[in-house]
Amino acid sequence: MKLNSFLRYHRSDARYDADERVQSSRGERGGARLTKRENEVMNGLAQGLLYKEIAANLHISYSAVNKHQHSIYQKLHAGNRTEAINNWRDSSRA
């Protein structure tokens, strides 16, 4: 199954369209692609919220926030919250 057709398929309990998952957070430069949900988590991290506060705001579990955070750090080549926020903000400006 091709990736695009896989991403277009979404279960009835999905919170957002699979097409939105492939939007780039880096614009034309390419690079790391964050999903819509990962961008929402990054907004919470940038506001200084705790993981449990982000989870409550997004109506997801604490462990889901933690998994998104790990994925974000890998995609942005960051070792901690501050690096991730700085890389994310830099990529948004480009």
PDB file of N, CA and C in Angstrom:
ATOM      1  N   MET A   1       0.851  -1.181   0.000  1.00  0.00           N
ATOM      2  CA  MET A   1       0.000   0.000   0.000  1.00  0.00           C
ATOM      3  C   MET A   1       0.894   1.240   0.000  1.00  0.00           C
ATOM      4  N   LYS A   2       0.623   2.169  -0.890  1.00  0.00           N
ATOM      5  CA  LYS A   2       1.418   3.387  -0.967  1.00  0.00           C
ATOM      6  C   LYS A   2       1.142   4.274   0.240  1.00  0.00           C
ATOM      7  N   LEU A   3       2.149   5.073   0.597  1.00  0.00           N
ATOM      8  CA  LEU A   3       2.039   5.930   1.767  1.00  0.00           C
ATOM      9  C   LEU A   3       0.882   6.913   1.642  1.00  0.00           C
ATOM     10  N   ASN A   4       0.740   7.559   0.475  1.00  0.00           N
ATOM     11  CA  ASN A   4      -0.336   8.541   0.316  1.00  0.00           C
ATOM     12  C   ASN A   4      -1.715   7.917   0.478  1.00  0.00           C
ATOM     13  N   SER A   5      -1.912   6.746  -0.111  1.00  0.00           N
ATOM     14  CA  SER A   5      -3.224   6.113   0.028  1.00  0.00           C
ATOM     15  C   SER A   5      -3.449   5.657   1.466  1.00  0.00           C
ATOM     16  N   PHE A   6      -2.367   5.253   2.133  1.00  0.00           N
ATOM     17  CA  PHE A   6      -2.482   4.890   3.546  1.00  0.00           C
ATOM     18  C   PHE A   6      -2.869   6.100   4.386  1.00  0.00           C
ATOM     19  N   LEU A   7      -2.237   7.246   4.116  1.00  0.00           N
ATOM     20  CA  LEU A   7      -2.532   8.442   4.888  1.00  0.00           C
ATOM     21  C   LEU A   7      -3.935   8.967   4.617  1.00  0.00           C
ATOM     22  N   ARG A   8      -4.444   8.745   3.416  1.00  0.00           N
ATOM     23  CA  ARG A   8      -5.798   9.215   3.107  1.00  0.00           C
ATOM     24  C   ARG A   8      -6.863   8.404   3.842  1.00  0.00           C
ATOM     25  N   TYR A   9      -6.521   7.144   4.122  1.00  0.00           N
ATOM     26  CA  TYR A   9      -7.452   6.317   4.881  1.00  0.00           C
ATOM     27  C   TYR A   9      -7.460   6.796   6.321  1.00  0.00           C
ATOM     28  N   HIS A  10      -8.621   6.996   6.867  1.00  0.00           N
ATOM     29  CA  HIS A  10      -8.691   7.359   8.277  1.00  0.00           C
ATOM     30  C   HIS A  10      -9.874   6.658   8.919  1.00  0.00           C
ATOM     31  N   ARG A  11      -9.653   6.260  10.153  1.00  0.00           N
ATOM     32  CA  ARG A  11     -10.697   5.577  10.891  1.00  0.00           C
ATOM     33  C   ARG A  11     -11.745   6.584  11.329  1.00  0.00           C
ATOM     34  N   SER A  12     -12.910   6.095  11.667  1.00  0.00           N
ATOM     35  CA  SER A  12     -14.006   6.983  12.063  1.00  0.00           C
ATOM     36  C   SER A  12     -13.712   7.715  13.362  1.00  0.00           C
ATOM     37  N   ASP A  13     -12.810   7.198  14.186  1.00  0.00           N
ATOM     38  CA  ASP A  13     -12.506   7.861  15.451  1.00  0.00           C
ATOM     39  C   ASP A  13     -11.322   8.820  15.346  1.00  0.00           C
ATOM     40  N   ALA A  14     -10.810   9.031  14.129  1.00  0.00           N
ATOM     41  CA  ALA A  14      -9.675   9.953  13.953  1.00  0.00           C
ATOM     42  C   ALA A  14     -10.129  11.375  14.261  1.00  0.00           C
ATOM     43  N   ARG A  15      -9.250  12.134  14.904  1.00  0.00           N
ATOM     44  CA  ARG A  15      -9.589  13.501  15.301  1.00  0.00           C
ATOM     45  C   ARG A  15      -9.328  14.514  14.200  1.00  0.00           C
ATOM     46  N   TYR A  16      -8.565  14.142  13.195  1.00  0.00           N
ATOM     47  CA  TYR A  16      -8.271  15.066  12.110  1.00  0.00           C
ATOM     48  C   TYR A  16      -8.008  14.269  10.850  1.00  0.00           C
ATOM     49  N   ASP A  17      -8.147  14.920   9.730  1.00  0.00           N
ATOM     50  CA  ASP A  17      -7.947  14.276   8.436  1.00  0.00           C
ATOM     51  C   ASP A  17      -6.508  13.840   8.265  1.00  0.00           C
ATOM     52  N   ALA A  18      -6.319  12.695   7.659  1.00  0.00           N
ATOM     53  CA  ALA A  18      -4.967  12.200   7.428  1.00  0.00           C
ATOM     54  C   ALA A  18      -4.189  13.125   6.501  1.00  0.00           C
ATOM     55  N   ASP A  19      -4.876  13.801   5.600  1.00  0.00           N
ATOM     56  CA  ASP A  19      -4.191  14.731   4.696  1.00  0.00           C
ATOM     57  C   ASP A  19      -3.509  15.853   5.468  1.00  0.00           C
ATOM     58  N   GLU A  20      -4.092  16.265   6.579  1.00  0.00           N
ATOM     59  CA  GLU A  20      -3.501  17.330   7.379  1.00  0.00           C
ATOM     60  C   GLU A  20      -2.215  16.870   8.054  1.00  0.00           C
ATOM     61  N   ARG A  21      -2.044  15.552   8.190  1.00  0.00           N
ATOM     62  CA  ARG A  21      -0.859  15.023   8.850  1.00  0.00           C
ATOM     63  C   ARG A  21       0.406  15.263   8.046  1.00  0.00           C
ATOM     64  N   VAL A  22       0.285  15.469   6.762  1.00  0.00           N
ATOM     65  CA  VAL A  22       1.474  15.602   5.927  1.00  0.00           C
ATOM     66  C   VAL A  22       1.869  17.045   5.682  1.00  0.00           C
ATOM     67  N   GLN A  23       1.199  17.989   6.306  1.00  0.00           N
ATOM     68  CA  GLN A  23       1.574  19.383   6.145  1.00  0.00           C
ATOM     69  C   GLN A  23       2.930  19.617   6.781  1.00  0.00           C
ATOM     70  N   SER A  24       3.753  20.354   6.087  1.00  0.00           N
ATOM     71  CA  SER A  24       5.100  20.598   6.578  1.00  0.00           C
ATOM     72  C   SER A  24       5.109  21.750   7.563  1.00  0.00           C
ATOM     73  N   SER A  25       5.928  21.613   8.584  1.00  0.00           N
ATOM     74  CA  SER A  25       6.101  22.719   9.514  1.00  0.00           C
ATOM     75  C   SER A  25       7.306  23.558   9.118  1.00  0.00           C
ATOM     76  N   ARG A  26       7.981  23.170   8.036  1.00  0.00           N
ATOM     77  CA  ARG A  26       9.175  23.891   7.608  1.00  0.00           C
ATOM     78  C   ARG A  26       8.987  24.630   6.292  1.00  0.00           C
ATOM     79  N   GLY A  27       7.826  24.678   5.782  1.00  0.00           N
ATOM     80  CA  GLY A  27       7.576  25.435   4.571  1.00  0.00           C
ATOM     81  C   GLY A  27       8.323  24.879   3.383  1.00  0.00           C
ATOM     82  N   GLU A  28       8.911  25.748   2.583  1.00  0.00           N
ATOM     83  CA  GLU A  28       9.514  25.345   1.326  1.00  0.00           C
ATOM     84  C   GLU A  28      10.873  24.692   1.484  1.00  0.00           C
ATOM     85  N   ARG A  29      11.529  24.850   2.611  1.00  0.00           N
ATOM     86  CA  ARG A  29      12.851  24.264   2.784  1.00  0.00           C
ATOM     87  C   ARG A  29      12.798  22.753   2.911  1.00  0.00           C
ATOM     88  N   GLY A  30      11.646  22.191   3.110  1.00  0.00           N
ATOM     89  CA  GLY A  30      11.542  20.762   3.310  1.00  0.00           C
ATOM     90  C   GLY A  30      11.923  20.407   4.734  1.00  0.00           C
ATOM     91  N   GLY A  31      12.625  19.300   4.915  1.00  0.00           N
ATOM     92  CA  GLY A  31      13.079  18.930   6.239  1.00  0.00           C
ATOM     93  C   GLY A  31      12.005  18.194   7.009  1.00  0.00           C
ATOM     94  N   ALA A  32      12.037  18.352   8.310  1.00  0.00           N
ATOM     95  CA  ALA A  32      11.126  17.621   9.192  1.00  0.00           C
ATOM     96  C   ALA A  32       9.677  18.027   8.947  1.00  0.00           C
ATOM     97  N   ARG A  33       8.831  17.030   8.907  1.00  0.00           N
ATOM     98  CA  ARG A  33       7.402  17.276   8.764  1.00  0.00           C
ATOM     99  C   ARG A  33       6.727  16.893  10.062  1.00  0.00           C
ATOM    100  N   LEU A  34       6.086  17.856  10.679  1.00  0.00           N
ATOM    101  CA  LEU A  34       5.336  17.584  11.894  1.00  0.00           C
ATOM    102  C   LEU A  34       3.866  17.463  11.532  1.00  0.00           C
ATOM    103  N   THR A  35       3.199  16.536  12.190  1.00  0.00           N
ATOM    104  CA  THR A  35       1.768  16.393  11.965  1.00  0.00           C
ATOM    105  C   THR A  35       1.037  17.554  12.621  1.00  0.00           C
ATOM    106  N   LYS A  36      -0.229  17.677  12.309  1.00  0.00           N
ATOM    107  CA  LYS A  36      -1.041  18.722  12.932  1.00  0.00           C
ATOM    108  C   LYS A  36      -1.008  18.569  14.451  1.00  0.00           C
ATOM    109  N   ARG A  37      -1.147  17.339  14.931  1.00  0.00           N
ATOM    110  CA  ARG A  37      -1.156  17.086  16.366  1.00  0.00           C
ATOM    111  C   ARG A  37       0.201  17.423  16.982  1.00  0.00           C
ATOM    112  N   GLU A  38       1.284  17.072  16.293  1.00  0.00           N
ATOM    113  CA  GLU A  38       2.608  17.408  16.813  1.00  0.00           C
ATOM    114  C   GLU A  38       2.801  18.918  16.900  1.00  0.00           C
ATOM    115  N   ASN A  39       2.279  19.653  15.934  1.00  0.00           N
ATOM    116  CA  ASN A  39       2.338  21.112  16.002  1.00  0.00           C
ATOM    117  C   ASN A  39       1.528  21.642  17.176  1.00  0.00           C
ATOM    118  N   GLU A  40       0.386  21.013  17.462  1.00  0.00           N
ATOM    119  CA  GLU A  40      -0.425  21.418  18.611  1.00  0.00           C
ATOM    120  C   GLU A  40       0.332  21.153  19.917  1.00  0.00           C
ATOM    121  N   VAL A  41       1.019  20.016  19.985  1.00  0.00           N
ATOM    122  CA  VAL A  41       1.829  19.707  21.159  1.00  0.00           C
ATOM    123  C   VAL A  41       2.961  20.719  21.278  1.00  0.00           C
ATOM    124  N   MET A  42       3.595  21.068  20.162  1.00  0.00           N
ATOM    125  CA  MET A  42       4.683  22.054  20.190  1.00  0.00           C
ATOM    126  C   MET A  42       4.188  23.409  20.675  1.00  0.00           C
ATOM    127  N   ASN A  43       2.978  23.789  20.297  1.00  0.00           N
ATOM    128  CA  ASN A  43       2.414  25.044  20.804  1.00  0.00           C
ATOM    129  C   ASN A  43       2.329  25.008  22.329  1.00  0.00           C
ATOM    130  N   GLY A  44       1.893  23.896  22.867  1.00  0.00           N
ATOM    131  CA  GLY A  44       1.809  23.747  24.317  1.00  0.00           C
ATOM    132  C   GLY A  44       3.181  23.783  24.968  1.00  0.00           C
ATOM    133  N   LEU A  45       4.146  23.102  24.362  1.00  0.00           N
ATOM    134  CA  LEU A  45       5.510  23.117  24.898  1.00  0.00           C
ATOM    135  C   LEU A  45       6.071  24.537  24.877  1.00  0.00           C
ATOM    136  N   ALA A  46       5.820  25.261  23.796  1.00  0.00           N
ATOM    137  CA  ALA A  46       6.331  26.631  23.664  1.00  0.00           C
ATOM    138  C   ALA A  46       5.685  27.568  24.683  1.00  0.00           C
ATOM    139  N   GLN A  47       4.469  27.248  25.111  1.00  0.00           N
ATOM    140  CA  GLN A  47       3.787  28.058  26.124  1.00  0.00           C
ATOM    141  C   GLN A  47       4.253  27.695  27.533  1.00  0.00           C
ATOM    142  N   GLY A  48       5.090  26.673  27.639  1.00  0.00           N
ATOM    143  CA  GLY A  48       5.605  26.265  28.941  1.00  0.00           C
ATOM    144  C   GLY A  48       4.661  25.366  29.724  1.00  0.00           C
ATOM    145  N   LEU A  49       3.704  24.761  29.045  1.00  0.00           N
ATOM    146  CA  LEU A  49       2.748  23.889  29.727  1.00  0.00           C
ATOM    147  C   LEU A  49       3.384  22.547  30.091  1.00  0.00           C
ATOM    148  N   LEU A  50       2.888  21.936  31.141  1.00  0.00           N
ATOM    149  CA  LEU A  50       3.278  20.589  31.509  1.00  0.00           C
ATOM    150  C   LEU A  50       2.617  19.603  30.553  1.00  0.00           C
ATOM    151  N   TYR A  51       3.193  18.402  30.438  1.00  0.00           N
ATOM    152  CA  TYR A  51       2.607  17.394  29.553  1.00  0.00           C
ATOM    153  C   TYR A  51       1.164  17.092  29.933  1.00  0.00           C
ATOM    154  N   LYS A  52       0.876  17.033  31.230  1.00  0.00           N
ATOM    155  CA  LYS A  52      -0.497  16.726  31.644  1.00  0.00           C
ATOM    156  C   LYS A  52      -1.447  17.861  31.277  1.00  0.00           C
ATOM    157  N   GLU A  53      -0.959  19.110  31.259  1.00  0.00           N
ATOM    158  CA  GLU A  53      -1.788  20.245  30.838  1.00  0.00           C
ATOM    159  C   GLU A  53      -2.036  20.204  29.335  1.00  0.00           C
ATOM    160  N   ILE A  54      -1.009  19.852  28.576  1.00  0.00           N
ATOM    161  CA  ILE A  54      -1.165  19.715  27.118  1.00  0.00           C
ATOM    162  C   ILE A  54      -2.170  18.606  26.825  1.00  0.00           C
ATOM    163  N   ALA A  55      -2.037  17.492  27.533  1.00  0.00           N
ATOM    164  CA  ALA A  55      -2.956  16.362  27.338  1.00  0.00           C
ATOM    165  C   ALA A  55      -4.396  16.782  27.615  1.00  0.00           C
ATOM    166  N   ALA A  56      -4.611  17.519  28.687  1.00  0.00           N
ATOM    167  CA  ALA A  56      -5.960  17.961  29.025  1.00  0.00           C
ATOM    168  C   ALA A  56      -6.507  18.919  27.972  1.00  0.00           C
ATOM    169  N   ASN A  57      -5.675  19.844  27.499  1.00  0.00           N
ATOM    170  CA  ASN A  57      -6.120  20.817  26.491  1.00  0.00           C
ATOM    171  C   ASN A  57      -6.460  20.153  25.162  1.00  0.00           C
ATOM    172  N   LEU A  58      -5.713  19.106  24.801  1.00  0.00           N
ATOM    173  CA  LEU A  58      -5.923  18.448  23.505  1.00  0.00           C
ATOM    174  C   LEU A  58      -6.836  17.228  23.602  1.00  0.00           C
ATOM    175  N   HIS A  59      -7.280  16.910  24.825  1.00  0.00           N
ATOM    176  CA  HIS A  59      -8.168  15.765  25.066  1.00  0.00           C
ATOM    177  C   HIS A  59      -7.523  14.458  24.610  1.00  0.00           C
ATOM    178  N   ILE A  60      -6.232  14.304  24.955  1.00  0.00           N
ATOM    179  CA  ILE A  60      -5.512  13.073  24.689  1.00  0.00           C
ATOM    180  C   ILE A  60      -4.831  12.639  25.991  1.00  0.00           C
ATOM    181  N   SER A  61      -4.277  11.448  25.996  1.00  0.00           N
ATOM    182  CA  SER A  61      -3.642  10.945  27.213  1.00  0.00           C
ATOM    183  C   SER A  61      -2.245  11.531  27.389  1.00  0.00           C
ATOM    184  N   TYR A  62      -1.777  11.455  28.618  1.00  0.00           N
ATOM    185  CA  TYR A  62      -0.420  11.897  28.952  1.00  0.00           C
ATOM    186  C   TYR A  62       0.598  11.127  28.113  1.00  0.00           C
ATOM    187  N   SER A  63       0.398   9.810  27.985  1.00  0.00           N
ATOM    188  CA  SER A  63       1.343   8.988  27.225  1.00  0.00           C
ATOM    189  C   SER A  63       1.346   9.353  25.747  1.00  0.00           C
ATOM    190  N   ALA A  64       0.195   9.794  25.217  1.00  0.00           N
ATOM    191  CA  ALA A  64       0.152  10.234  23.815  1.00  0.00           C
ATOM    192  C   ALA A  64       0.995  11.491  23.636  1.00  0.00           C
ATOM    193  N   VAL A  65       0.929  12.404  24.592  1.00  0.00           N
ATOM    194  CA  VAL A  65       1.759  13.613  24.535  1.00  0.00           C
ATOM    195  C   VAL A  65       3.224  13.215  24.581  1.00  0.00           C
ATOM    196  N   ASN A  66       3.561  12.277  25.459  1.00  0.00           N
ATOM    197  CA  ASN A  66       4.935  11.817  25.582  1.00  0.00           C
ATOM    198  C   ASN A  66       5.431  11.194  24.275  1.00  0.00           C
ATOM    199  N   LYS A  67       4.601  10.407  23.613  1.00  0.00           N
ATOM    200  CA  LYS A  67       4.981   9.793  22.339  1.00  0.00           C
ATOM    201  C   LYS A  67       5.163  10.855  21.258  1.00  0.00           C
ATOM    202  N   HIS A  68       4.260  11.833  21.221  1.00  0.00           N
ATOM    203  CA  HIS A  68       4.403  12.933  20.256  1.00  0.00           C
ATOM    204  C   HIS A  68       5.700  13.695  20.512  1.00  0.00           C
ATOM    205  N   GLN A  69       6.005  13.912  21.776  1.00  0.00           N
ATOM    206  CA  GLN A  69       7.208  14.644  22.150  1.00  0.00           C
ATOM    207  C   GLN A  69       8.452  13.913  21.653  1.00  0.00           C
ATOM    208  N   HIS A  70       8.504  12.599  21.817  1.00  0.00           N
ATOM    209  CA  HIS A  70       9.650  11.832  21.345  1.00  0.00           C
ATOM    210  C   HIS A  70       9.782  11.926  19.825  1.00  0.00           C
ATOM    211  N   SER A  71       8.672  11.841  19.132  1.00  0.00           N
ATOM    212  CA  SER A  71       8.678  11.948  17.674  1.00  0.00           C
ATOM    213  C   SER A  71       9.146  13.332  17.224  1.00  0.00           C
ATOM    214  N   ILE A  72       8.672  14.357  17.912  1.00  0.00           N
ATOM    215  CA  ILE A  72       9.055  15.736  17.596  1.00  0.00           C
ATOM    216  C   ILE A  72      10.555  15.928  17.781  1.00  0.00           C
ATOM    217  N   TYR A  73      11.091  15.449  18.897  1.00  0.00           N
ATOM    218  CA  TYR A  73      12.520  15.595  19.172  1.00  0.00           C
ATOM    219  C   TYR A  73      13.353  14.932  18.081  1.00  0.00           C
ATOM    220  N   GLN A  74      12.933  13.750  17.623  1.00  0.00           N
ATOM    221  CA  GLN A  74      13.652  13.067  16.550  1.00  0.00           C
ATOM    222  C   GLN A  74      13.590  13.865  15.260  1.00  0.00           C
ATOM    223  N   LYS A  75      12.402  14.318  14.905  1.00  0.00           N
ATOM    224  CA  LYS A  75      12.236  15.048  13.645  1.00  0.00           C
ATOM    225  C   LYS A  75      12.983  16.375  13.636  1.00  0.00           C
ATOM    226  N   LEU A  76      13.047  17.034  14.776  1.00  0.00           N
ATOM    227  CA  LEU A  76      13.706  18.343  14.858  1.00  0.00           C
ATOM    228  C   LEU A  76      15.163  18.232  15.311  1.00  0.00           C
ATOM    229  N   HIS A  77      15.644  16.998  15.486  1.00  0.00           N
ATOM    230  CA  HIS A  77      17.027  16.760  15.922  1.00  0.00           C
ATOM    231  C   HIS A  77      17.331  17.539  17.197  1.00  0.00           C
ATOM    232  N   ALA A  78      16.454  17.382  18.172  1.00  0.00           N
ATOM    233  CA  ALA A  78      16.580  18.106  19.433  1.00  0.00           C
ATOM    234  C   ALA A  78      16.774  17.114  20.585  1.00  0.00           C
ATOM    235  N   GLY A  79      17.528  17.534  21.581  1.00  0.00           N
ATOM    236  CA  GLY A  79      17.764  16.695  22.736  1.00  0.00           C
ATOM    237  C   GLY A  79      16.952  17.087  23.943  1.00  0.00           C
ATOM    238  N   ASN A  80      16.304  18.264  23.866  1.00  0.00           N
ATOM    239  CA  ASN A  80      15.503  18.718  24.992  1.00  0.00           C
ATOM    240  C   ASN A  80      14.439  19.700  24.506  1.00  0.00           C
ATOM    241  N   ARG A  81      13.595  20.127  25.432  1.00  0.00           N
ATOM    242  CA  ARG A  81      12.468  20.996  25.111  1.00  0.00           C
ATOM    243  C   ARG A  81      12.929  22.311  24.487  1.00  0.00           C
ATOM    244  N   THR A  82      13.956  22.925  25.053  1.00  0.00           N
ATOM    245  CA  THR A  82      14.422  24.223  24.568  1.00  0.00           C
ATOM    246  C   THR A  82      14.930  24.126  23.136  1.00  0.00           C
ATOM    247  N   GLU A  83      15.734  23.103  22.845  1.00  0.00           N
ATOM    248  CA  GLU A  83      16.219  22.906  21.479  1.00  0.00           C
ATOM    249  C   GLU A  83      15.063  22.685  20.513  1.00  0.00           C
ATOM    250  N   ALA A  84      14.100  21.871  20.925  1.00  0.00           N
ATOM    251  CA  ALA A  84      12.955  21.579  20.062  1.00  0.00           C
ATOM    252  C   ALA A  84      12.171  22.852  19.751  1.00  0.00           C
ATOM    253  N   ILE A  85      11.937  23.662  20.765  1.00  0.00           N
ATOM    254  CA  ILE A  85      11.186  24.910  20.561  1.00  0.00           C
ATOM    255  C   ILE A  85      11.952  25.844  19.637  1.00  0.00           C
ATOM    256  N   ASN A  86      13.260  25.996  19.866  1.00  0.00           N
ATOM    257  CA  ASN A  86      14.070  26.876  19.018  1.00  0.00           C
ATOM    258  C   ASN A  86      14.113  26.382  17.574  1.00  0.00           C
ATOM    259  N   ASN A  87      14.313  25.077  17.367  1.00  0.00           N
ATOM    260  CA  ASN A  87      14.341  24.524  16.014  1.00  0.00           C
ATOM    261  C   ASN A  87      12.987  24.673  15.331  1.00  0.00           C
ATOM    262  N   TRP A  88      11.923  24.465  16.094  1.00  0.00           N
ATOM    263  CA  TRP A  88      10.559  24.571  15.558  1.00  0.00           C
ATOM    264  C   TRP A  88      10.258  26.016  15.150  1.00  0.00           C
ATOM    265  N   ARG A  89      10.630  26.972  16.009  1.00  0.00           N
ATOM    266  CA  ARG A  89      10.405  28.376  15.687  1.00  0.00           C
ATOM    267  C   ARG A  89      11.242  28.806  14.489  1.00  0.00           C
ATOM    268  N   ASP A  90      12.499  28.364  14.436  1.00  0.00           N
ATOM    269  CA  ASP A  90      13.361  28.694  13.293  1.00  0.00           C
ATOM    270  C   ASP A  90      12.790  28.143  12.000  1.00  0.00           C
ATOM    271  N   SER A  91      12.268  26.912  12.046  1.00  0.00           N
ATOM    272  CA  SER A  91      11.721  26.299  10.846  1.00  0.00           C
ATOM    273  C   SER A  91      10.418  26.973  10.416  1.00  0.00           C
ATOM    274  N   SER A  92       9.687  27.531  11.351  1.00  0.00           N
ATOM    275  CA  SER A  92       8.440  28.226  11.022  1.00  0.00           C
ATOM    276  C   SER A  92       8.702  29.553  10.332  1.00  0.00           C
ATOM    277  N   ARG A  93       9.839  30.177  10.637  1.00  0.00           N
ATOM    278  CA  ARG A  93      10.182  31.476  10.049  1.00  0.00           C
ATOM    279  C   ARG A  93      10.708  31.352   8.628  1.00  0.00           C
ATOM    280  N   ALA A  94      11.243  30.186   8.313  1.00  0.00           N
ATOM    281  CA  ALA A  94      11.867  30.005   6.997  1.00  0.00           C
ATOM    282  C   ALA A  94      10.861  29.991   5.877  1.00  0.00           C
TER     283      ALA A  94
END
